Amino acid sequence: MRHRARLEVLLGAREARAVVGALRPSNVRLPEGMRIAMGARRGRLEVRIGMRDGLFTLLSTLNELLAEAEAAWRALLVAKEAKLK
């Protein structure tokens, strides 16, 4: 069975591109049967994950990507605040 997940997060154009750039290294070595597509469109971070079998692997990967996206987002906020000071 094929499982799929799609995530869209509204961030703003520059921020979405920056978060996608931060997440790209996570897309290099994937488990067999998994595909990840991500991009920044209209100010949104878009992530699509497909997995042949392994529903829990897909959910775990989605959880990891969310944590990494949040870390990248927080780093952007800190950088913006530092720039304003």
N, C-alpha and C. Protein backbone atom coordinates (compact mmCIF):
# COMPACT_ATOMS: atom_id res chain seq x y z
N MET A 1 0.85 -1.18 0.00
CA MET A 1 0.00 0.00 0.00
C MET A 1 0.89 1.24 0.00
N ARG A 2 0.47 2.26 -0.71
CA ARG A 2 1.22 3.52 -0.79
C ARG A 2 0.57 4.53 0.15
N HIS A 3 1.39 5.17 0.96
CA HIS A 3 0.91 6.19 1.89
C HIS A 3 1.46 7.54 1.45
N ARG A 4 0.68 8.59 1.66
CA ARG A 4 1.11 9.94 1.29
C ARG A 4 0.75 10.93 2.37
N ALA A 5 1.60 11.96 2.50
CA ALA A 5 1.32 13.06 3.41
C ALA A 5 1.69 14.35 2.69
N ARG A 6 0.92 15.39 2.95
CA ARG A 6 1.19 16.71 2.37
C ARG A 6 1.11 17.74 3.47
N LEU A 7 2.09 18.62 3.50
CA LEU A 7 2.16 19.65 4.51
C LEU A 7 2.32 21.00 3.82
N GLU A 8 1.52 21.97 4.22
CA GLU A 8 1.64 23.34 3.73
C GLU A 8 1.67 24.26 4.93
N VAL A 9 2.67 25.15 4.96
CA VAL A 9 2.80 26.10 6.06
C VAL A 9 3.00 27.49 5.45
N LEU A 10 2.14 28.42 5.81
CA LEU A 10 2.24 29.79 5.33
C LEU A 10 3.30 30.52 6.14
N LEU A 11 4.38 30.98 5.46
CA LEU A 11 5.50 31.62 6.14
C LEU A 11 5.84 33.00 5.59
N GLY A 12 5.59 33.25 4.34
CA GLY A 12 6.11 34.42 3.64
C GLY A 12 7.12 33.93 2.62
N ALA A 13 7.26 34.62 1.52
CA ALA A 13 8.06 34.14 0.39
C ALA A 13 9.53 33.89 0.77
N ARG A 14 10.19 34.89 1.34
CA ARG A 14 11.61 34.73 1.67
C ARG A 14 11.83 33.66 2.73
N GLU A 15 10.97 33.65 3.73
CA GLU A 15 11.09 32.69 4.81
C GLU A 15 10.87 31.26 4.32
N ALA A 16 9.88 31.08 3.45
CA ALA A 16 9.60 29.75 2.92
C ALA A 16 10.80 29.23 2.12
N ARG A 17 11.41 30.09 1.30
CA ARG A 17 12.59 29.68 0.53
C ARG A 17 13.74 29.32 1.46
N ALA A 18 13.93 30.10 2.52
CA ALA A 18 15.01 29.82 3.46
C ALA A 18 14.80 28.50 4.19
N VAL A 19 13.58 28.23 4.60
CA VAL A 19 13.30 26.97 5.31
C VAL A 19 13.47 25.79 4.36
N VAL A 20 13.03 25.91 3.12
CA VAL A 20 13.25 24.83 2.14
C VAL A 20 14.74 24.58 1.99
N GLY A 21 15.53 25.63 1.90
CA GLY A 21 16.98 25.47 1.79
C GLY A 21 17.58 24.75 2.99
N ALA A 22 17.06 25.03 4.16
CA ALA A 22 17.54 24.37 5.37
C ALA A 22 17.13 22.90 5.42
N LEU A 23 15.99 22.56 4.82
CA LEU A 23 15.50 21.19 4.85
C LEU A 23 16.08 20.31 3.75
N ARG A 24 16.63 20.88 2.71
CA ARG A 24 17.13 20.09 1.57
C ARG A 24 18.07 18.95 1.98
N PRO A 25 19.03 19.18 2.91
CA PRO A 25 19.91 18.05 3.28
C PRO A 25 19.16 16.85 3.85
N SER A 26 17.98 17.04 4.39
CA SER A 26 17.18 15.94 4.93
C SER A 26 16.61 15.06 3.83
N ASN A 27 16.67 15.54 2.61
CA ASN A 27 16.07 14.86 1.48
C ASN A 27 17.09 14.04 0.69
N VAL A 28 18.28 13.80 1.25
CA VAL A 28 19.35 13.16 0.49
C VAL A 28 19.30 11.64 0.57
N ARG A 29 19.35 11.08 1.77
CA ARG A 29 19.36 9.63 1.94
C ARG A 29 18.03 9.19 2.54
N LEU A 30 17.20 8.63 1.68
CA LEU A 30 15.86 8.25 2.11
C LEU A 30 15.74 6.73 2.19
N PRO A 31 14.85 6.26 3.05
CA PRO A 31 14.60 4.82 3.09
C PRO A 31 14.06 4.35 1.73
N GLU A 32 14.27 3.10 1.44
CA GLU A 32 13.78 2.53 0.19
C GLU A 32 12.26 2.68 0.11
N GLY A 33 11.80 3.12 -1.05
CA GLY A 33 10.37 3.29 -1.27
C GLY A 33 9.81 4.64 -0.86
N MET A 34 10.67 5.54 -0.33
CA MET A 34 10.20 6.86 0.10
C MET A 34 10.61 7.92 -0.91
N ARG A 35 9.71 8.88 -1.11
CA ARG A 35 10.00 10.05 -1.94
C ARG A 35 9.56 11.29 -1.19
N ILE A 36 10.39 12.33 -1.29
CA ILE A 36 10.04 13.61 -0.68
C ILE A 36 10.20 14.70 -1.74
N ALA A 37 9.18 15.53 -1.86
CA ALA A 37 9.24 16.71 -2.74
C ALA A 37 8.93 17.91 -1.87
N MET A 38 9.75 18.95 -2.01
CA MET A 38 9.48 20.16 -1.23
C MET A 38 9.80 21.38 -2.07
N GLY A 39 9.13 22.46 -1.73
CA GLY A 39 9.35 23.70 -2.43
C GLY A 39 8.69 24.85 -1.70
N ALA A 40 8.93 26.04 -2.21
CA ALA A 40 8.33 27.26 -1.68
C ALA A 40 7.49 27.86 -2.80
N ARG A 41 6.20 27.99 -2.55
CA ARG A 41 5.29 28.55 -3.54
C ARG A 41 4.32 29.51 -2.87
N ARG A 42 4.22 30.70 -3.44
CA ARG A 42 3.26 31.71 -2.95
C ARG A 42 3.38 31.93 -1.44
N GLY A 43 4.63 31.96 -0.95
CA GLY A 43 4.85 32.22 0.46
C GLY A 43 4.58 31.04 1.36
N ARG A 44 4.44 29.86 0.76
CA ARG A 44 4.17 28.66 1.55
C ARG A 44 5.31 27.66 1.42
N LEU A 45 5.60 27.02 2.51
CA LEU A 45 6.47 25.84 2.50
C LEU A 45 5.56 24.66 2.15
N GLU A 46 5.91 23.92 1.10
CA GLU A 46 5.12 22.76 0.70
C GLU A 46 5.99 21.53 0.73
N VAL A 47 5.54 20.50 1.43
CA VAL A 47 6.27 19.24 1.53
C VAL A 47 5.30 18.11 1.21
N ARG A 48 5.73 17.22 0.32
CA ARG A 48 4.96 16.02 0.00
C ARG A 48 5.85 14.82 0.23
N ILE A 49 5.31 13.84 0.95
CA ILE A 49 6.04 12.61 1.24
C ILE A 49 5.21 11.43 0.76
N GLY A 50 5.85 10.51 0.06
CA GLY A 50 5.20 9.28 -0.36
C GLY A 50 6.03 8.11 0.12
N MET A 51 5.36 7.06 0.55
CA MET A 51 6.06 5.89 1.10
C MET A 51 5.32 4.63 0.70
N ARG A 52 6.05 3.72 0.11
CA ARG A 52 5.49 2.41 -0.19
C ARG A 52 5.60 1.58 1.08
N ASP A 53 4.49 1.15 1.61
CA ASP A 53 4.44 0.47 2.90
C ASP A 53 4.96 1.42 3.99
N GLY A 54 5.28 0.96 5.15
CA GLY A 54 5.93 1.74 6.19
C GLY A 54 5.23 3.02 6.61
N LEU A 55 3.96 2.94 7.00
CA LEU A 55 3.23 4.14 7.44
C LEU A 55 3.94 4.82 8.61
N PHE A 56 4.44 4.05 9.56
CA PHE A 56 5.10 4.66 10.72
C PHE A 56 6.41 5.34 10.33
N THR A 57 7.09 4.83 9.32
CA THR A 57 8.30 5.49 8.81
C THR A 57 7.92 6.83 8.21
N LEU A 58 6.84 6.88 7.47
CA LEU A 58 6.38 8.14 6.88
C LEU A 58 6.04 9.14 7.97
N LEU A 59 5.31 8.72 8.99
CA LEU A 59 4.93 9.62 10.08
C LEU A 59 6.16 10.11 10.85
N SER A 60 7.12 9.24 11.07
CA SER A 60 8.35 9.62 11.75
C SER A 60 9.13 10.65 10.94
N THR A 61 9.20 10.44 9.63
CA THR A 61 9.90 11.38 8.75
C THR A 61 9.20 12.73 8.75
N LEU A 62 7.88 12.72 8.69
CA LEU A 62 7.12 13.98 8.74
C LEU A 62 7.39 14.71 10.05
N ASN A 63 7.41 13.98 11.15
CA ASN A 63 7.70 14.57 12.45
C ASN A 63 9.10 15.21 12.47
N GLU A 64 10.08 14.51 11.92
CA GLU A 64 11.45 15.05 11.86
C GLU A 64 11.51 16.31 11.01
N LEU A 65 10.84 16.30 9.85
CA LEU A 65 10.84 17.48 8.99
C LEU A 65 10.16 18.67 9.67
N LEU A 66 9.09 18.42 10.40
CA LEU A 66 8.43 19.50 11.14
C LEU A 66 9.36 20.10 12.19
N ALA A 67 10.07 19.25 12.91
CA ALA A 67 11.01 19.73 13.93
C ALA A 67 12.13 20.54 13.29
N GLU A 68 12.65 20.08 12.15
CA GLU A 68 13.71 20.81 11.46
C GLU A 68 13.20 22.13 10.89
N ALA A 69 11.98 22.12 10.36
CA ALA A 69 11.40 23.36 9.83
C ALA A 69 11.20 24.38 10.96
N GLU A 70 10.76 23.91 12.12
CA GLU A 70 10.58 24.81 13.25
C GLU A 70 11.92 25.39 13.70
N ALA A 71 12.96 24.57 13.74
CA ALA A 71 14.29 25.06 14.13
C ALA A 71 14.79 26.11 13.14
N ALA A 72 14.59 25.85 11.84
CA ALA A 72 15.02 26.82 10.83
C ALA A 72 14.23 28.12 10.96
N TRP A 73 12.94 28.02 11.21
CA TRP A 73 12.08 29.19 11.37
C TRP A 73 12.53 30.01 12.57
N ARG A 74 12.80 29.33 13.69
CA ARG A 74 13.25 30.05 14.89
C ARG A 74 14.60 30.73 14.66
N ALA A 75 15.49 30.08 13.91
CA ALA A 75 16.78 30.70 13.59
C ALA A 75 16.58 31.96 12.75
N LEU A 76 15.63 31.91 11.82
CA LEU A 76 15.32 33.11 11.03
C LEU A 76 14.80 34.24 11.91
N LEU A 77 13.94 33.92 12.85
CA LEU A 77 13.41 34.95 13.76
C LEU A 77 14.52 35.58 14.58
N VAL A 78 15.43 34.77 15.09
CA VAL A 78 16.55 35.29 15.89
C VAL A 78 17.42 36.19 15.02
N ALA A 79 17.69 35.76 13.79
CA ALA A 79 18.51 36.57 12.88
C ALA A 79 17.82 37.90 12.56
N LYS A 80 16.52 37.88 12.36
CA LYS A 80 15.78 39.12 12.08
C LYS A 80 15.85 40.06 13.28
N GLU A 81 15.67 39.52 14.48
CA GLU A 81 15.72 40.35 15.69
C GLU A 81 17.10 40.96 15.87
N ALA A 82 18.15 40.17 15.63
CA ALA A 82 19.51 40.67 15.76
C ALA A 82 19.79 41.78 14.75
N LYS A 83 19.24 41.65 13.56
CA LYS A 83 19.44 42.64 12.52
C LYS A 83 18.76 43.96 12.87
N LEU A 84 17.64 43.88 13.58
CA LEU A 84 16.90 45.08 13.95
C LEU A 84 17.57 45.85 15.08
N LYS A 85 18.42 45.19 15.85
CA LYS A 85 19.05 45.86 17.01
C LYS A 85 20.22 46.70 16.60
